[in-house]
Amino acid sequence: MTEQKWQWLPYDRASAVWYAKRWAYGRNPVFYDYEHIGGDCTNFASQCVYAGSGVMNYDGDFGWYYINANKKAPAWTGVEYFYNFMTRTEETQGPVAEAASIGQLLPGDVVQLSFTGEMWNHSPVVVRLLRQPALQPADVLIAAHSYDADNRPLNTYDYVGIRFLHFTGVRRAIG
């Protein structure tokens, strides 16, 4: 068995942000809108990250992909699954992120919020920083679905828990 070879690509933050701003108050007809069946926030975040990465991972339940409303990986729409896939340590295809501090955030990164402290509920996308590095949530502007927003200050959410995903690049299989 031959060892898989990888190409490391940069994450295109400008494309992720452009997509987030383009579709913050609309729905791209290529993707199903999960708004009324659990929420559309992580689906929207996945679309933005895909716009910045151009690579999906079709590894069944452990991947990160969207084919249609019924053929998608749990990580495409599930807040916790999205986090687990993006921060994975295995060398598999797709965008790669790391758990980060607020000061490491850049446009195109993703924030996750817990409204109750019992589970993670929301995945807005960073579209702008009012100060870099960001020192507090008021410095971070986001775009999101479910609670449709663009340029919304992060500190206007009522949350109990917060975590940050900083994208470091994209791994693509070659050969």
C-alpha atoms as a PDB file:
ATOM      1  CA  MET A   1       0.000   0.000   0.000  1.00  0.00           C
ATOM      2  CA  THR A   2       1.425   3.384  -0.967  1.00  0.00           C
ATOM      3  CA  GLU A   3       1.445   6.293   1.420  1.00  0.00           C
ATOM      4  CA  GLN A   4      -0.932   9.151   0.551  1.00  0.00           C
ATOM      5  CA  LYS A   5       0.790  12.304  -0.629  1.00  0.00           C
ATOM      6  CA  TRP A   6      -0.614  15.699   0.245  1.00  0.00           C
ATOM      7  CA  GLN A   7      -0.509  19.153  -1.202  1.00  0.00           C
ATOM      8  CA  TRP A   8      -0.764  21.947   1.375  1.00  0.00           C
ATOM      9  CA  LEU A   9      -2.721  24.940   0.070  1.00  0.00           C
ATOM     10  CA  PRO A  10      -3.417  28.317   1.646  1.00  0.00           C
ATOM     11  CA  TYR A  11      -6.906  29.024   2.957  1.00  0.00           C
ATOM     12  CA  ASP A  12      -8.387  31.803   0.801  1.00  0.00           C
ATOM     13  CA  ARG A  13      -9.796  34.101   3.484  1.00  0.00           C
ATOM     14  CA  ALA A  14     -10.900  36.759   0.997  1.00  0.00           C
ATOM     15  CA  SER A  15     -13.087  34.223  -0.847  1.00  0.00           C
ATOM     16  CA  ALA A  16     -14.580  32.920   2.412  1.00  0.00           C
ATOM     17  CA  VAL A  17     -15.455  36.466   3.512  1.00  0.00           C
ATOM     18  CA  TRP A  18     -16.793  37.420   0.082  1.00  0.00           C
ATOM     19  CA  TYR A  19     -19.098  34.389   0.173  1.00  0.00           C
ATOM     20  CA  ALA A  20     -20.222  35.158   3.738  1.00  0.00           C
ATOM     21  CA  LYS A  21     -21.125  38.722   2.829  1.00  0.00           C
ATOM     22  CA  ARG A  22     -22.797  37.679  -0.448  1.00  0.00           C
ATOM     23  CA  TRP A  23     -25.090  35.112   1.199  1.00  0.00           C
ATOM     24  CA  ALA A  24     -25.514  36.474   4.772  1.00  0.00           C
ATOM     25  CA  TYR A  25     -29.094  37.567   4.105  1.00  0.00           C
ATOM     26  CA  GLY A  26     -29.866  35.100   1.326  1.00  0.00           C
ATOM     27  CA  ARG A  27     -29.605  31.436   0.513  1.00  0.00           C
ATOM     28  CA  ASN A  28     -27.443  29.990  -2.235  1.00  0.00           C
ATOM     29  CA  PRO A  29     -29.837  27.723  -4.181  1.00  0.00           C
ATOM     30  CA  VAL A  30     -27.067  25.126  -4.610  1.00  0.00           C
ATOM     31  CA  PHE A  31     -27.399  24.267  -0.903  1.00  0.00           C
ATOM     32  CA  TYR A  32     -30.449  23.222   1.091  1.00  0.00           C
ATOM     33  CA  ASP A  33     -31.674  25.680   3.732  1.00  0.00           C
ATOM     34  CA  TYR A  34     -31.876  23.898   7.110  1.00  0.00           C
ATOM     35  CA  GLU A  35     -33.332  26.972   8.850  1.00  0.00           C
ATOM     36  CA  HIS A  36     -36.588  25.281   9.846  1.00  0.00           C
ATOM     37  CA  ILE A  37     -35.161  21.878  10.760  1.00  0.00           C
ATOM     38  CA  GLY A  38     -32.514  22.655  13.334  1.00  0.00           C
ATOM     39  CA  GLY A  39     -30.826  25.758  11.948  1.00  0.00           C
ATOM     40  CA  ASP A  40     -28.648  26.772   9.021  1.00  0.00           C
ATOM     41  CA  CYS A  41     -25.647  28.319  10.786  1.00  0.00           C
ATOM     42  CA  THR A  42     -23.114  25.520  10.387  1.00  0.00           C
ATOM     43  CA  ASN A  43     -24.315  24.779   6.848  1.00  0.00           C
ATOM     44  CA  PHE A  44     -23.602  28.459   6.086  1.00  0.00           C
ATOM     45  CA  ALA A  45     -20.218  28.336   7.859  1.00  0.00           C
ATOM     46  CA  SER A  46     -19.333  25.214   5.829  1.00  0.00           C
ATOM     47  CA  GLN A  47     -20.278  26.976   2.605  1.00  0.00           C
ATOM     48  CA  CYS A  48     -18.031  29.903   3.527  1.00  0.00           C
ATOM     49  CA  VAL A  49     -15.123  27.621   4.455  1.00  0.00           C
ATOM     50  CA  TYR A  50     -15.622  25.675   1.226  1.00  0.00           C
ATOM     51  CA  ALA A  51     -15.474  28.963  -0.709  1.00  0.00           C
ATOM     52  CA  GLY A  52     -12.108  29.551   0.967  1.00  0.00           C
ATOM     53  CA  SER A  53     -10.781  26.023   0.548  1.00  0.00           C
ATOM     54  CA  GLY A  54     -12.280  24.485  -2.585  1.00  0.00           C
ATOM     55  CA  VAL A  55     -11.792  20.991  -1.168  1.00  0.00           C
ATOM     56  CA  MET A  56     -14.319  18.618   0.405  1.00  0.00           C
ATOM     57  CA  ASN A  57     -13.619  15.323   2.138  1.00  0.00           C
ATOM     58  CA  TYR A  58     -15.946  12.511   1.008  1.00  0.00           C
ATOM     59  CA  ASP A  59     -14.936  10.073   3.773  1.00  0.00           C
ATOM     60  CA  GLY A  60     -18.486   9.064   4.731  1.00  0.00           C
ATOM     61  CA  ASP A  61     -19.588   9.992   8.228  1.00  0.00           C
ATOM     62  CA  PHE A  62     -16.050  11.117   9.107  1.00  0.00           C
ATOM     63  CA  GLY A  63     -15.644  13.537   6.212  1.00  0.00           C
ATOM     64  CA  TRP A  64     -16.846  17.029   5.434  1.00  0.00           C
ATOM     65  CA  TYR A  65     -18.908  17.265   2.262  1.00  0.00           C
ATOM     66  CA  TYR A  66     -22.225  18.253   0.759  1.00  0.00           C
ATOM     67  CA  ILE A  67     -23.836  16.550  -2.251  1.00  0.00           C
ATOM     68  CA  ASN A  68     -27.490  17.352  -1.561  1.00  0.00           C
ATOM     69  CA  ALA A  69     -29.882  17.846   1.366  1.00  0.00           C
ATOM     70  CA  ASN A  70     -29.808  14.139   2.232  1.00  0.00           C
ATOM     71  CA  LYS A  71     -26.225  13.315   1.217  1.00  0.00           C
ATOM     72  CA  LYS A  72     -23.887  15.282   3.428  1.00  0.00           C
ATOM     73  CA  ALA A  73     -21.440  14.586   6.209  1.00  0.00           C
ATOM     74  CA  PRO A  74     -22.536  15.319   9.792  1.00  0.00           C
ATOM     75  CA  ALA A  75     -19.638  17.813   9.944  1.00  0.00           C
ATOM     76  CA  TRP A  76     -21.228  19.917   7.193  1.00  0.00           C
ATOM     77  CA  THR A  77     -24.210  20.947   9.341  1.00  0.00           C
ATOM     78  CA  GLY A  78     -23.500  19.875  12.938  1.00  0.00           C
ATOM     79  CA  VAL A  79     -21.743  22.382  15.202  1.00  0.00           C
ATOM     80  CA  GLU A  80     -19.752  19.836  17.229  1.00  0.00           C
ATOM     81  CA  TYR A  81     -19.009  17.605  14.215  1.00  0.00           C
ATOM     82  CA  PHE A  82     -17.762  20.669  12.280  1.00  0.00           C
ATOM     83  CA  TYR A  83     -15.376  21.534  15.116  1.00  0.00           C
ATOM     84  CA  ASN A  84     -14.121  17.952  15.430  1.00  0.00           C
ATOM     85  CA  PHE A  85     -13.483  17.640  11.697  1.00  0.00           C
ATOM     86  CA  MET A  86     -11.725  20.985  11.337  1.00  0.00           C
ATOM     87  CA  THR A  87      -9.436  20.390  14.335  1.00  0.00           C
ATOM     88  CA  ARG A  88      -8.665  16.735  13.505  1.00  0.00           C
ATOM     89  CA  THR A  89      -5.099  15.522  13.928  1.00  0.00           C
ATOM     90  CA  GLU A  90      -5.299  12.846  11.220  1.00  0.00           C
ATOM     91  CA  GLU A  91      -3.840  13.788   7.850  1.00  0.00           C
ATOM     92  CA  THR A  92      -6.988  13.744   5.740  1.00  0.00           C
ATOM     93  CA  GLN A  93      -8.199  15.918   2.918  1.00  0.00           C
ATOM     94  CA  GLY A  94      -9.942  19.227   3.571  1.00  0.00           C
ATOM     95  CA  PRO A  95      -9.584  22.535   5.381  1.00  0.00           C
ATOM     96  CA  VAL A  96      -7.630  22.470   8.635  1.00  0.00           C
ATOM     97  CA  ALA A  97      -8.186  24.681  11.678  1.00  0.00           C
ATOM     98  CA  GLU A  98      -6.861  24.921  15.192  1.00  0.00           C
ATOM     99  CA  ALA A  99      -8.501  25.901  18.436  1.00  0.00           C
ATOM    100  CA  ALA A 100      -7.392  29.473  18.945  1.00  0.00           C
ATOM    101  CA  SER A 101      -7.638  32.517  21.169  1.00  0.00           C
ATOM    102  CA  ILE A 102      -9.631  35.575  20.170  1.00  0.00           C
ATOM    103  CA  GLY A 103      -6.341  37.330  19.380  1.00  0.00           C
ATOM    104  CA  GLN A 104      -5.528  34.766  16.670  1.00  0.00           C
ATOM    105  CA  LEU A 105      -8.770  35.335  14.739  1.00  0.00           C
ATOM    106  CA  LEU A 106      -8.675  36.569  11.170  1.00  0.00           C
ATOM    107  CA  PRO A 107     -11.474  37.192   8.687  1.00  0.00           C
ATOM    108  CA  GLY A 108     -12.674  33.842   7.334  1.00  0.00           C
ATOM    109  CA  ASP A 109     -12.280  32.077  10.687  1.00  0.00           C
ATOM    110  CA  VAL A 110     -15.251  30.631  12.587  1.00  0.00           C
ATOM    111  CA  VAL A 111     -16.541  31.279  16.097  1.00  0.00           C
ATOM    112  CA  GLN A 112     -18.732  28.798  17.953  1.00  0.00           C
ATOM    113  CA  LEU A 113     -21.128  29.764  20.711  1.00  0.00           C
ATOM    114  CA  SER A 114     -22.901  27.872  23.457  1.00  0.00           C
ATOM    115  CA  PHE A 115     -26.108  29.529  24.577  1.00  0.00           C
ATOM    116  CA  THR A 116     -26.769  27.216  27.530  1.00  0.00           C
ATOM    117  CA  GLY A 117     -23.336  25.875  28.461  1.00  0.00           C
ATOM    118  CA  GLU A 118     -24.541  22.331  27.774  1.00  0.00           C
ATOM    119  CA  MET A 119     -23.761  22.129  24.050  1.00  0.00           C
ATOM    120  CA  TRP A 120     -22.401  24.216  21.180  1.00  0.00           C
ATOM    121  CA  ASN A 121     -25.218  25.902  19.265  1.00  0.00           C
ATOM    122  CA  HIS A 122     -24.019  28.447  16.712  1.00  0.00           C
ATOM    123  CA  SER A 123     -21.226  28.862  14.121  1.00  0.00           C
ATOM    124  CA  PRO A 124     -20.861  32.440  12.832  1.00  0.00           C
ATOM    125  CA  VAL A 125     -18.080  33.417  10.411  1.00  0.00           C
ATOM    126  CA  VAL A 126     -15.641  36.261  11.087  1.00  0.00           C
ATOM    127  CA  VAL A 127     -15.940  38.889   8.338  1.00  0.00           C
ATOM    128  CA  ARG A 128     -14.025  41.803   9.855  1.00  0.00           C
ATOM    129  CA  LEU A 129     -11.913  42.789  12.839  1.00  0.00           C
ATOM    130  CA  LEU A 130     -12.224  46.287  14.230  1.00  0.00           C
ATOM    131  CA  ARG A 131      -8.857  45.823  15.940  1.00  0.00           C
ATOM    132  CA  GLN A 132      -6.121  43.361  15.097  1.00  0.00           C
ATOM    133  CA  PRO A 133      -5.423  41.437  17.086  1.00  0.00           C
ATOM    134  CA  ALA A 134      -8.917  41.328  18.513  1.00  0.00           C
ATOM    135  CA  LEU A 135      -8.874  41.822  22.270  1.00  0.00           C
ATOM    136  CA  GLN A 136     -12.560  41.343  23.042  1.00  0.00           C
ATOM    137  CA  PRO A 137     -15.743  40.142  21.292  1.00  0.00           C
ATOM    138  CA  ALA A 138     -16.723  43.741  20.405  1.00  0.00           C
ATOM    139  CA  ASP A 139     -13.692  43.780  18.063  1.00  0.00           C
ATOM    140  CA  VAL A 140     -15.068  40.881  15.990  1.00  0.00           C
ATOM    141  CA  LEU A 141     -17.767  41.310  13.313  1.00  0.00           C
ATOM    142  CA  ILE A 142     -19.500  38.190  12.041  1.00  0.00           C
ATOM    143  CA  ALA A 143     -21.878  36.945   9.357  1.00  0.00           C
ATOM    144  CA  ALA A 144     -24.302  34.122  10.110  1.00  0.00           C
ATOM    145  CA  HIS A 145     -27.454  32.231   9.216  1.00  0.00           C
ATOM    146  CA  SER A 146     -30.264  31.112  11.531  1.00  0.00           C
ATOM    147  CA  TYR A 147     -29.820  34.490  13.137  1.00  0.00           C
ATOM    148  CA  ASP A 148     -29.103  36.115   9.770  1.00  0.00           C
ATOM    149  CA  ALA A 149     -26.435  38.761  10.178  1.00  0.00           C
ATOM    150  CA  ASP A 150     -23.596  40.585   8.473  1.00  0.00           C
ATOM    151  CA  ASN A 151     -21.108  42.813  10.292  1.00  0.00           C
ATOM    152  CA  ARG A 152     -22.776  41.917  13.599  1.00  0.00           C
ATOM    153  CA  PRO A 153     -20.547  42.542  16.622  1.00  0.00           C
ATOM    154  CA  LEU A 154     -19.861  39.277  18.401  1.00  0.00           C
ATOM    155  CA  ASN A 155     -20.572  40.861  21.789  1.00  0.00           C
ATOM    156  CA  THR A 156     -24.245  41.370  20.827  1.00  0.00           C
ATOM    157  CA  TYR A 157     -24.909  37.640  21.280  1.00  0.00           C
ATOM    158  CA  ASP A 158     -26.057  36.334  24.654  1.00  0.00           C
ATOM    159  CA  TYR A 159     -23.858  33.260  25.168  1.00  0.00           C
ATOM    160  CA  VAL A 160     -22.357  31.236  27.992  1.00  0.00           C
ATOM    161  CA  GLY A 161     -19.464  29.628  26.109  1.00  0.00           C
ATOM    162  CA  ILE A 162     -17.318  30.693  23.171  1.00  0.00           C
ATOM    163  CA  ARG A 163     -14.533  29.060  21.167  1.00  0.00           C
ATOM    164  CA  PHE A 164     -12.577  30.088  18.105  1.00  0.00           C
ATOM    165  CA  LEU A 165     -11.410  28.192  15.013  1.00  0.00           C
ATOM    166  CA  HIS A 166      -8.439  29.638  13.133  1.00  0.00           C
ATOM    167  CA  PHE A 167      -7.894  28.126   9.682  1.00  0.00           C
ATOM    168  CA  THR A 168      -4.268  27.278   8.916  1.00  0.00           C
ATOM    169  CA  GLY A 169      -4.595  25.820   5.425  1.00  0.00           C
ATOM    170  CA  VAL A 170      -6.098  23.157   3.211  1.00  0.00           C
ATOM    171  CA  ARG A 171      -4.843  19.614   2.658  1.00  0.00           C
ATOM    172  CA  ARG A 172      -5.517  18.091  -0.772  1.00  0.00           C
ATOM    173  CA  ALA A 173      -4.646  14.571  -1.886  1.00  0.00           C
ATOM    174  CA  ILE A 174      -2.326  14.300  -4.890  1.00  0.00           C
ATOM    175  CA  GLY A 175      -1.433  11.374  -7.081  1.00  0.00           C
END
